[in-house]
């Protein structure tokens, strides 16, 4: 997780997107888990694995914003997922 000024800058960027009309349009009418899988699809071209989805869903239900979730999964990307992010 980001800390200090890095966290503030990262959260400002992702929170601005989460509150944008584009995000609202893309995610309108979806359940939390569907929104989270959509973030995985946009980021990595696949859905979240069930265990990861349960972990992050719980985190969001306990106060982590969807925007912070998106930032955290990007920062924690591994293997093929990090390659995909590096080539966006």
PDB file of N, CA and C in Angstrom:
ATOM      1  N   UNK A   1       0.839  -1.181   0.000  1.00  0.00           N
ATOM      2  CA  UNK A   1       0.000   0.000   0.000  1.00  0.00           C
ATOM      3  C   UNK A   1       0.884   1.245   0.000  1.00  0.00           C
ATOM      4  N   UNK A   2       0.351   2.281  -0.595  1.00  0.00           N
ATOM      5  CA  UNK A   2       1.069   3.547  -0.588  1.00  0.00           C
ATOM      6  C   UNK A   2       0.947   4.206   0.775  1.00  0.00           C
ATOM      7  N   UNK A   3       1.967   4.961   1.131  1.00  0.00           N
ATOM      8  CA  UNK A   3       1.934   5.701   2.389  1.00  0.00           C
ATOM      9  C   UNK A   3       2.349   7.147   2.139  1.00  0.00           C
ATOM     10  N   UNK A   4       2.069   7.999   3.098  1.00  0.00           N
ATOM     11  CA  UNK A   4       2.505   9.390   3.044  1.00  0.00           C
ATOM     12  C   UNK A   4       2.017  10.140   1.825  1.00  0.00           C
ATOM     13  N   UNK A   5       2.913  10.970   1.262  1.00  0.00           N
ATOM     14  CA  UNK A   5       2.531  11.816   0.130  1.00  0.00           C
ATOM     15  C   UNK A   5       2.207  10.994  -1.111  1.00  0.00           C
ATOM     16  N   UNK A   6       2.847   9.803  -1.257  1.00  0.00           N
ATOM     17  CA  UNK A   6       2.516   8.940  -2.392  1.00  0.00           C
ATOM     18  C   UNK A   6       1.053   8.524  -2.327  1.00  0.00           C
ATOM     19  N   UNK A   7       0.597   8.180  -1.135  1.00  0.00           N
ATOM     20  CA  UNK A   7      -0.798   7.768  -0.971  1.00  0.00           C
ATOM     21  C   UNK A   7      -1.735   8.918  -1.304  1.00  0.00           C
ATOM     22  N   UNK A   8      -1.400  10.097  -0.853  1.00  0.00           N
ATOM     23  CA  UNK A   8      -2.251  11.254  -1.127  1.00  0.00           C
ATOM     24  C   UNK A   8      -2.370  11.542  -2.606  1.00  0.00           C
ATOM     25  N   UNK A   9      -1.246  11.513  -3.315  1.00  0.00           N
ATOM     26  CA  UNK A   9      -1.261  11.775  -4.758  1.00  0.00           C
ATOM     27  C   UNK A   9      -2.003  10.675  -5.501  1.00  0.00           C
ATOM     28  N   UNK A  10      -1.714   9.427  -5.174  1.00  0.00           N
ATOM     29  CA  UNK A  10      -2.382   8.310  -5.841  1.00  0.00           C
ATOM     30  C   UNK A  10      -3.868   8.317  -5.596  1.00  0.00           C
ATOM     31  N   UNK A  11      -4.252   8.550  -4.356  1.00  0.00           N
ATOM     32  CA  UNK A  11      -5.679   8.566  -4.021  1.00  0.00           C
ATOM     33  C   UNK A  11      -6.401   9.722  -4.698  1.00  0.00           C
ATOM     34  N   UNK A  12      -5.764  10.871  -4.836  1.00  0.00           N
ATOM     35  CA  UNK A  12      -6.391  12.004  -5.519  1.00  0.00           C
ATOM     36  C   UNK A  12      -6.716  11.662  -6.955  1.00  0.00           C
ATOM     37  N   UNK A  13      -5.791  10.998  -7.621  1.00  0.00           N
ATOM     38  CA  UNK A  13      -5.985  10.651  -9.027  1.00  0.00           C
ATOM     39  C   UNK A  13      -7.111   9.633  -9.175  1.00  0.00           C
ATOM     40  N   UNK A  14      -7.031   8.546  -8.419  1.00  0.00           N
ATOM     41  CA  UNK A  14      -8.042   7.505  -8.584  1.00  0.00           C
ATOM     42  C   UNK A  14      -9.406   7.950  -8.080  1.00  0.00           C
ATOM     43  N   UNK A  15      -9.443   8.758  -7.036  1.00  0.00           N
ATOM     44  CA  UNK A  15     -10.734   9.258  -6.546  1.00  0.00           C
ATOM     45  C   UNK A  15     -11.380  10.183  -7.569  1.00  0.00           C
ATOM     46  N   UNK A  16     -10.565  10.968  -8.276  1.00  0.00           N
ATOM     47  CA  UNK A  16     -11.116  11.841  -9.318  1.00  0.00           C
ATOM     48  C   UNK A  16     -11.761  11.006 -10.415  1.00  0.00           C
ATOM     49  N   UNK A  17     -11.133   9.886 -10.780  1.00  0.00           N
ATOM     50  CA  UNK A  17     -11.733   9.028 -11.794  1.00  0.00           C
ATOM     51  C   UNK A  17     -12.991   8.357 -11.258  1.00  0.00           C
ATOM     52  N   UNK A  18     -12.925   7.850 -10.025  1.00  0.00           N
ATOM     53  CA  UNK A  18     -14.091   7.164  -9.457  1.00  0.00           C
ATOM     54  C   UNK A  18     -15.318   8.066  -9.454  1.00  0.00           C
ATOM     55  N   UNK A  19     -15.116   9.358  -9.263  1.00  0.00           N
ATOM     56  CA  UNK A  19     -16.229  10.304  -9.195  1.00  0.00           C
ATOM     57  C   UNK A  19     -16.551  10.954 -10.537  1.00  0.00           C
ATOM     58  N   UNK A  20     -15.882  10.506 -11.604  1.00  0.00           N
ATOM     59  CA  UNK A  20     -16.096  11.106 -12.918  1.00  0.00           C
ATOM     60  C   UNK A  20     -17.370  10.579 -13.573  1.00  0.00           C
ATOM     61  N   UNK A  21     -17.894  11.350 -14.510  1.00  0.00           N
ATOM     62  CA  UNK A  21     -19.080  10.908 -15.248  1.00  0.00           C
ATOM     63  C   UNK A  21     -18.759   9.675 -16.074  1.00  0.00           C
ATOM     64  N   UNK A  22     -17.517   9.552 -16.562  1.00  0.00           N
ATOM     65  CA  UNK A  22     -17.126   8.369 -17.346  1.00  0.00           C
ATOM     66  C   UNK A  22     -17.229   7.103 -16.501  1.00  0.00           C
ATOM     67  N   UNK A  23     -16.669   7.146 -15.305  1.00  0.00           N
ATOM     68  CA  UNK A  23     -16.729   5.972 -14.424  1.00  0.00           C
ATOM     69  C   UNK A  23     -18.172   5.666 -14.048  1.00  0.00           C
ATOM     70  N   UNK A  24     -18.927   6.695 -13.736  1.00  0.00           N
ATOM     71  CA  UNK A  24     -20.337   6.483 -13.380  1.00  0.00           C
ATOM     72  C   UNK A  24     -21.097   5.832 -14.532  1.00  0.00           C
ATOM     73  N   UNK A  25     -20.801   6.236 -15.753  1.00  0.00           N
ATOM     74  CA  UNK A  25     -21.454   5.648 -16.925  1.00  0.00           C
ATOM     75  C   UNK A  25     -21.016   4.196 -17.118  1.00  0.00           C
ATOM     76  N   UNK A  26     -19.721   3.921 -17.008  1.00  0.00           N
ATOM     77  CA  UNK A  26     -19.190   2.574 -17.244  1.00  0.00           C
ATOM     78  C   UNK A  26     -19.658   1.554 -16.205  1.00  0.00           C
ATOM     79  N   UNK A  27     -19.848   2.008 -14.972  1.00  0.00           N
ATOM     80  CA  UNK A  27     -20.138   1.085 -13.875  1.00  0.00           C
ATOM     81  C   UNK A  27     -21.586   1.151 -13.373  1.00  0.00           C
ATOM     82  N   UNK A  28     -22.401   1.962 -14.015  1.00  0.00           N
ATOM     83  CA  UNK A  28     -23.786   2.141 -13.572  1.00  0.00           C
ATOM     84  C   UNK A  28     -24.538   0.821 -13.568  1.00  0.00           C
ATOM     85  N   UNK A  29     -25.268   0.585 -12.494  1.00  0.00           N
ATOM     86  CA  UNK A  29     -26.142  -0.570 -12.399  1.00  0.00           C
ATOM     87  C   UNK A  29     -25.464  -1.882 -12.061  1.00  0.00           C
ATOM     88  N   UNK A  30     -24.150  -1.874 -11.861  1.00  0.00           N
ATOM     89  CA  UNK A  30     -23.429  -3.104 -11.543  1.00  0.00           C
ATOM     90  C   UNK A  30     -23.337  -3.313 -10.040  1.00  0.00           C
ATOM     91  N   UNK A  31     -23.316  -4.571  -9.631  1.00  0.00           N
ATOM     92  CA  UNK A  31     -23.078  -4.881  -8.212  1.00  0.00           C
ATOM     93  C   UNK A  31     -21.618  -4.574  -7.886  1.00  0.00           C
ATOM     94  N   UNK A  32     -21.287  -4.556  -6.611  1.00  0.00           N
ATOM     95  CA  UNK A  32     -19.911  -4.303  -6.202  1.00  0.00           C
ATOM     96  C   UNK A  32     -18.956  -5.293  -6.867  1.00  0.00           C
ATOM     97  N   UNK A  33     -19.285  -6.577  -6.816  1.00  0.00           N
ATOM     98  CA  UNK A  33     -18.407  -7.594  -7.390  1.00  0.00           C
ATOM     99  C   UNK A  33     -18.294  -7.435  -8.901  1.00  0.00           C
ATOM    100  N   UNK A  34     -19.374  -7.055  -9.564  1.00  0.00           N
ATOM    101  CA  UNK A  34     -19.318  -6.805 -11.004  1.00  0.00           C
ATOM    102  C   UNK A  34     -18.431  -5.605 -11.311  1.00  0.00           C
ATOM    103  N   UNK A  35     -18.522  -4.565 -10.489  1.00  0.00           N
ATOM    104  CA  UNK A  35     -17.658  -3.392 -10.671  1.00  0.00           C
ATOM    105  C   UNK A  35     -16.198  -3.790 -10.501  1.00  0.00           C
ATOM    106  N   UNK A  36     -15.928  -4.601  -9.495  1.00  0.00           N
ATOM    107  CA  UNK A  36     -14.551  -5.013  -9.237  1.00  0.00           C
ATOM    108  C   UNK A  36     -14.028  -5.875 -10.386  1.00  0.00           C
ATOM    109  N   UNK A  37     -14.846  -6.778 -10.889  1.00  0.00           N
ATOM    110  CA  UNK A  37     -14.427  -7.572 -12.042  1.00  0.00           C
ATOM    111  C   UNK A  37     -14.240  -6.701 -13.272  1.00  0.00           C
ATOM    112  N   UNK A  38     -15.039  -5.661 -13.405  1.00  0.00           N
ATOM    113  CA  UNK A  38     -14.859  -4.743 -14.530  1.00  0.00           C
ATOM    114  C   UNK A  38     -13.517  -4.033 -14.428  1.00  0.00           C
ATOM    115  N   UNK A  39     -13.116  -3.643 -13.226  1.00  0.00           N
ATOM    116  CA  UNK A  39     -11.790  -3.039 -13.030  1.00  0.00           C
ATOM    117  C   UNK A  39     -10.709  -4.032 -13.455  1.00  0.00           C
ATOM    118  N   UNK A  40     -10.851  -5.297 -13.061  1.00  0.00           N
ATOM    119  CA  UNK A  40      -9.888  -6.325 -13.487  1.00  0.00           C
ATOM    120  C   UNK A  40      -9.895  -6.469 -15.011  1.00  0.00           C
ATOM    121  N   UNK A  41     -11.069  -6.465 -15.628  1.00  0.00           N
ATOM    122  CA  UNK A  41     -11.150  -6.580 -17.085  1.00  0.00           C
ATOM    123  C   UNK A  41     -10.454  -5.401 -17.769  1.00  0.00           C
ATOM    124  N   UNK A  42     -10.719  -4.177 -17.289  1.00  0.00           N
ATOM    125  CA  UNK A  42     -10.080  -2.994 -17.870  1.00  0.00           C
ATOM    126  C   UNK A  42      -8.565  -3.047 -17.689  1.00  0.00           C
ATOM    127  N   UNK A  43      -8.123  -3.545 -16.537  1.00  0.00           N
ATOM    128  CA  UNK A  43      -6.701  -3.530 -16.201  1.00  0.00           C
ATOM    129  C   UNK A  43      -5.936  -4.712 -16.781  1.00  0.00           C
ATOM    130  N   UNK A  44      -6.518  -5.914 -16.680  1.00  0.00           N
ATOM    131  CA  UNK A  44      -5.752  -7.129 -16.969  1.00  0.00           C
ATOM    132  C   UNK A  44      -6.409  -8.064 -17.998  1.00  0.00           C
ATOM    133  N   UNK A  45      -7.550  -7.696 -18.510  1.00  0.00           N
ATOM    134  CA  UNK A  45      -8.270  -8.514 -19.488  1.00  0.00           C
ATOM    135  C   UNK A  45      -8.755  -9.846 -18.923  1.00  0.00           C
ATOM    136  N   UNK A  46      -9.037  -9.905 -17.634  1.00  0.00           N
ATOM    137  CA  UNK A  46      -9.642 -11.095 -17.027  1.00  0.00           C
ATOM    138  C   UNK A  46     -10.333 -10.697 -15.732  1.00  0.00           C
ATOM    139  N   UNK A  47     -11.248 -11.560 -15.279  1.00  0.00           N
ATOM    140  CA  UNK A  47     -11.913 -11.329 -14.005  1.00  0.00           C
ATOM    141  C   UNK A  47     -10.956 -11.628 -12.857  1.00  0.00           C
ATOM    142  N   UNK A  48     -11.301 -11.142 -11.696  1.00  0.00           N
ATOM    143  CA  UNK A  48     -10.544 -11.453 -10.482  1.00  0.00           C
ATOM    144  C   UNK A  48     -10.729 -12.928 -10.148  1.00  0.00           C
ATOM    145  N   UNK A  49      -9.708 -13.535  -9.539  1.00  0.00           N
ATOM    146  CA  UNK A  49      -9.902 -14.908  -9.071  1.00  0.00           C
ATOM    147  C   UNK A  49     -10.843 -14.857  -7.863  1.00  0.00           C
ATOM    148  N   UNK A  50     -11.578 -15.928  -7.605  1.00  0.00           N
ATOM    149  CA  UNK A  50     -12.590 -15.902  -6.538  1.00  0.00           C
ATOM    150  C   UNK A  50     -12.039 -15.504  -5.167  1.00  0.00           C
ATOM    151  N   UNK A  51     -10.886 -16.013  -4.796  1.00  0.00           N
ATOM    152  CA  UNK A  51     -10.310 -15.661  -3.498  1.00  0.00           C
ATOM    153  C   UNK A  51      -9.941 -14.194  -3.409  1.00  0.00           C
ATOM    154  N   UNK A  52      -9.357 -13.671  -4.470  1.00  0.00           N
ATOM    155  CA  UNK A  52      -9.005 -12.256  -4.503  1.00  0.00           C
ATOM    156  C   UNK A  52     -10.233 -11.372  -4.499  1.00  0.00           C
ATOM    157  N   UNK A  53     -11.253 -11.777  -5.247  1.00  0.00           N
ATOM    158  CA  UNK A  53     -12.491 -11.003  -5.277  1.00  0.00           C
ATOM    159  C   UNK A  53     -13.125 -10.958  -3.892  1.00  0.00           C
ATOM    160  N   UNK A  54     -13.125 -12.085  -3.187  1.00  0.00           N
ATOM    161  CA  UNK A  54     -13.689 -12.114  -1.832  1.00  0.00           C
ATOM    162  C   UNK A  54     -12.887 -11.214  -0.897  1.00  0.00           C
ATOM    163  N   UNK A  55     -11.554 -11.268  -0.987  1.00  0.00           N
ATOM    164  CA  UNK A  55     -10.700 -10.441  -0.134  1.00  0.00           C
ATOM    165  C   UNK A  55     -10.966  -8.958  -0.375  1.00  0.00           C
ATOM    166  N   UNK A  56     -10.904  -8.548  -1.655  1.00  0.00           N
ATOM    167  CA  UNK A  56     -11.056  -7.129  -1.963  1.00  0.00           C
ATOM    168  C   UNK A  56     -12.489  -6.648  -1.759  1.00  0.00           C
ATOM    169  N   UNK A  57     -13.457  -7.506  -2.013  1.00  0.00           N
ATOM    170  CA  UNK A  57     -14.847  -7.144  -1.773  1.00  0.00           C
ATOM    171  C   UNK A  57     -15.054  -6.839  -0.295  1.00  0.00           C
ATOM    172  N   UNK A  58     -14.496  -7.658   0.550  1.00  0.00           N
ATOM    173  CA  UNK A  58     -14.575  -7.427   1.990  1.00  0.00           C
ATOM    174  C   UNK A  58     -13.902  -6.111   2.365  1.00  0.00           C
ATOM    175  N   UNK A  59     -12.745  -5.839   1.769  1.00  0.00           N
ATOM    176  CA  UNK A  59     -12.038  -4.589   2.065  1.00  0.00           C
ATOM    177  C   UNK A  59     -12.873  -3.371   1.663  1.00  0.00           C
ATOM    178  N   UNK A  60     -13.509  -3.449   0.491  1.00  0.00           N
ATOM    179  CA  UNK A  60     -14.336  -2.321   0.034  1.00  0.00           C
ATOM    180  C   UNK A  60     -15.565  -2.169   0.929  1.00  0.00           C
ATOM    181  N   UNK A  61     -16.152  -3.279   1.315  1.00  0.00           N
ATOM    182  CA  UNK A  61     -17.311  -3.214   2.205  1.00  0.00           C
ATOM    183  C   UNK A  61     -16.945  -2.657   3.578  1.00  0.00           C
ATOM    184  N   UNK A  62     -15.657  -2.705   3.921  1.00  0.00           N
ATOM    185  CA  UNK A  62     -15.196  -2.198   5.218  1.00  0.00           C
ATOM    186  C   UNK A  62     -14.461  -0.871   5.111  1.00  0.00           C
ATOM    187  N   UNK A  63     -14.691  -0.127   4.020  1.00  0.00           N
ATOM    188  CA  UNK A  63     -14.203   1.242   3.966  1.00  0.00           C
ATOM    189  C   UNK A  63     -13.225   1.598   2.860  1.00  0.00           C
ATOM    190  N   UNK A  64     -12.600   0.629   2.211  1.00  0.00           N
ATOM    191  CA  UNK A  64     -11.712   0.941   1.097  1.00  0.00           C
ATOM    192  C   UNK A  64     -12.574   1.384  -0.071  1.00  0.00           C
ATOM    193  N   UNK A  65     -12.224   2.476  -0.715  1.00  0.00           N
ATOM    194  CA  UNK A  65     -13.025   2.912  -1.862  1.00  0.00           C
ATOM    195  C   UNK A  65     -12.719   2.035  -3.071  1.00  0.00           C
ATOM    196  N   UNK A  66     -13.633   2.019  -4.014  1.00  0.00           N
ATOM    197  CA  UNK A  66     -13.409   1.275  -5.247  1.00  0.00           C
ATOM    198  C   UNK A  66     -12.180   1.827  -5.972  1.00  0.00           C
ATOM    199  N   UNK A  67     -11.987   3.130  -5.878  1.00  0.00           N
ATOM    200  CA  UNK A  67     -10.817   3.752  -6.497  1.00  0.00           C
ATOM    201  C   UNK A  67      -9.525   3.266  -5.837  1.00  0.00           C
ATOM    202  N   UNK A  68      -9.526   3.202  -4.519  1.00  0.00           N
ATOM    203  CA  UNK A  68      -8.338   2.710  -3.814  1.00  0.00           C
ATOM    204  C   UNK A  68      -8.086   1.250  -4.155  1.00  0.00           C
ATOM    205  N   UNK A  69      -9.147   0.463  -4.281  1.00  0.00           N
ATOM    206  CA  UNK A  69      -9.025  -0.932  -4.712  1.00  0.00           C
ATOM    207  C   UNK A  69      -8.310  -1.004  -6.053  1.00  0.00           C
ATOM    208  N   UNK A  70      -8.750  -0.194  -7.010  1.00  0.00           N
ATOM    209  CA  UNK A  70      -8.149  -0.207  -8.345  1.00  0.00           C
ATOM    210  C   UNK A  70      -6.667   0.130  -8.287  1.00  0.00           C
ATOM    211  N   UNK A  71      -6.325   1.121  -7.491  1.00  0.00           N
ATOM    212  CA  UNK A  71      -4.914   1.490  -7.345  1.00  0.00           C
ATOM    213  C   UNK A  71      -4.123   0.364  -6.705  1.00  0.00           C
ATOM    214  N   UNK A  72      -4.658  -0.246  -5.680  1.00  0.00           N
ATOM    215  CA  UNK A  72      -3.946  -1.323  -4.985  1.00  0.00           C
ATOM    216  C   UNK A  72      -3.721  -2.543  -5.869  1.00  0.00           C
ATOM    217  N   UNK A  73      -4.707  -2.902  -6.679  1.00  0.00           N
ATOM    218  CA  UNK A  73      -4.483  -4.067  -7.546  1.00  0.00           C
ATOM    219  C   UNK A  73      -3.448  -3.750  -8.619  1.00  0.00           C
ATOM    220  N   UNK A  74      -3.432  -2.517  -9.087  1.00  0.00           N
ATOM    221  CA  UNK A  74      -2.411  -2.136 -10.067  1.00  0.00           C
ATOM    222  C   UNK A  74      -1.024  -2.188  -9.434  1.00  0.00           C
ATOM    223  N   UNK A  75      -0.917  -1.686  -8.219  1.00  0.00           N
ATOM    224  CA  UNK A  75       0.384  -1.680  -7.531  1.00  0.00           C
ATOM    225  C   UNK A  75       0.843  -3.089  -7.177  1.00  0.00           C
ATOM    226  N   UNK A  76      -0.102  -4.002  -6.994  1.00  0.00           N
ATOM    227  CA  UNK A  76       0.245  -5.364  -6.625  1.00  0.00           C
ATOM    228  C   UNK A  76       0.280  -6.337  -7.794  1.00  0.00           C
ATOM    229  N   UNK A  77       0.176  -5.817  -9.009  1.00  0.00           N
ATOM    230  CA  UNK A  77       0.153  -6.693 -10.184  1.00  0.00           C
ATOM    231  C   UNK A  77       1.422  -7.535 -10.259  1.00  0.00           C
ATOM    232  N   UNK A  78       1.236  -8.776 -10.690  1.00  0.00           N
ATOM    233  CA  UNK A  78       2.352  -9.714 -10.817  1.00  0.00           C
ATOM    234  C   UNK A  78       2.240 -10.470 -12.130  1.00  0.00           C
ATOM    235  N   UNK A  79       3.335 -11.085 -12.510  1.00  0.00           N
ATOM    236  CA  UNK A  79       3.377 -11.993 -13.659  1.00  0.00           C
ATOM    237  C   UNK A  79       2.798 -11.338 -14.909  1.00  0.00           C
ATOM    238  N   UNK A  80       1.889 -12.014 -15.592  1.00  0.00           N
ATOM    239  CA  UNK A  80       1.333 -11.484 -16.847  1.00  0.00           C
ATOM    240  C   UNK A  80       0.591 -10.173 -16.629  1.00  0.00           C
ATOM    241  N   UNK A  81      -0.027 -10.005 -15.462  1.00  0.00           N
ATOM    242  CA  UNK A  81      -0.785  -8.772 -15.201  1.00  0.00           C
ATOM    243  C   UNK A  81       0.120  -7.547 -15.208  1.00  0.00           C
ATOM    244  N   UNK A  82       1.304  -7.651 -14.648  1.00  0.00           N
ATOM    245  CA  UNK A  82       2.196  -6.485 -14.641  1.00  0.00           C
ATOM    246  C   UNK A  82       2.681  -6.172 -16.052  1.00  0.00           C
ATOM    247  N   UNK A  83       2.872  -7.197 -16.864  1.00  0.00           N
ATOM    248  CA  UNK A  83       3.268  -6.990 -18.248  1.00  0.00           C
ATOM    249  C   UNK A  83       2.172  -6.229 -18.996  1.00  0.00           C
ATOM    250  N   UNK A  84       0.920  -6.609 -18.764  1.00  0.00           N
ATOM    251  CA  UNK A  84      -0.205  -5.925 -19.404  1.00  0.00           C
ATOM    252  C   UNK A  84      -0.231  -4.463 -18.994  1.00  0.00           C
ATOM    253  N   UNK A  85      -0.082  -4.178 -17.695  1.00  0.00           N
ATOM    254  CA  UNK A  85      -0.084  -2.784 -17.232  1.00  0.00           C
ATOM    255  C   UNK A  85       1.067  -1.979 -17.816  1.00  0.00           C
ATOM    256  N   UNK A  86       2.217  -2.602 -17.953  1.00  0.00           N
ATOM    257  CA  UNK A  86       3.377  -1.897 -18.490  1.00  0.00           C
ATOM    258  C   UNK A  86       3.207  -1.555 -19.962  1.00  0.00           C
ATOM    259  N   UNK A  87       2.308  -2.249 -20.633  1.00  0.00           N
ATOM    260  CA  UNK A  87       2.118  -2.030 -22.076  1.00  0.00           C
ATOM    261  C   UNK A  87       0.853  -1.248 -22.388  1.00  0.00           C
ATOM    262  N   UNK A  88       0.212  -0.692 -21.389  1.00  0.00           N
ATOM    263  CA  UNK A  88      -0.991   0.121 -21.634  1.00  0.00           C
ATOM    264  C   UNK A  88      -0.576   1.452 -22.186  1.00  0.00           C
TER     265      UNK A  88
END
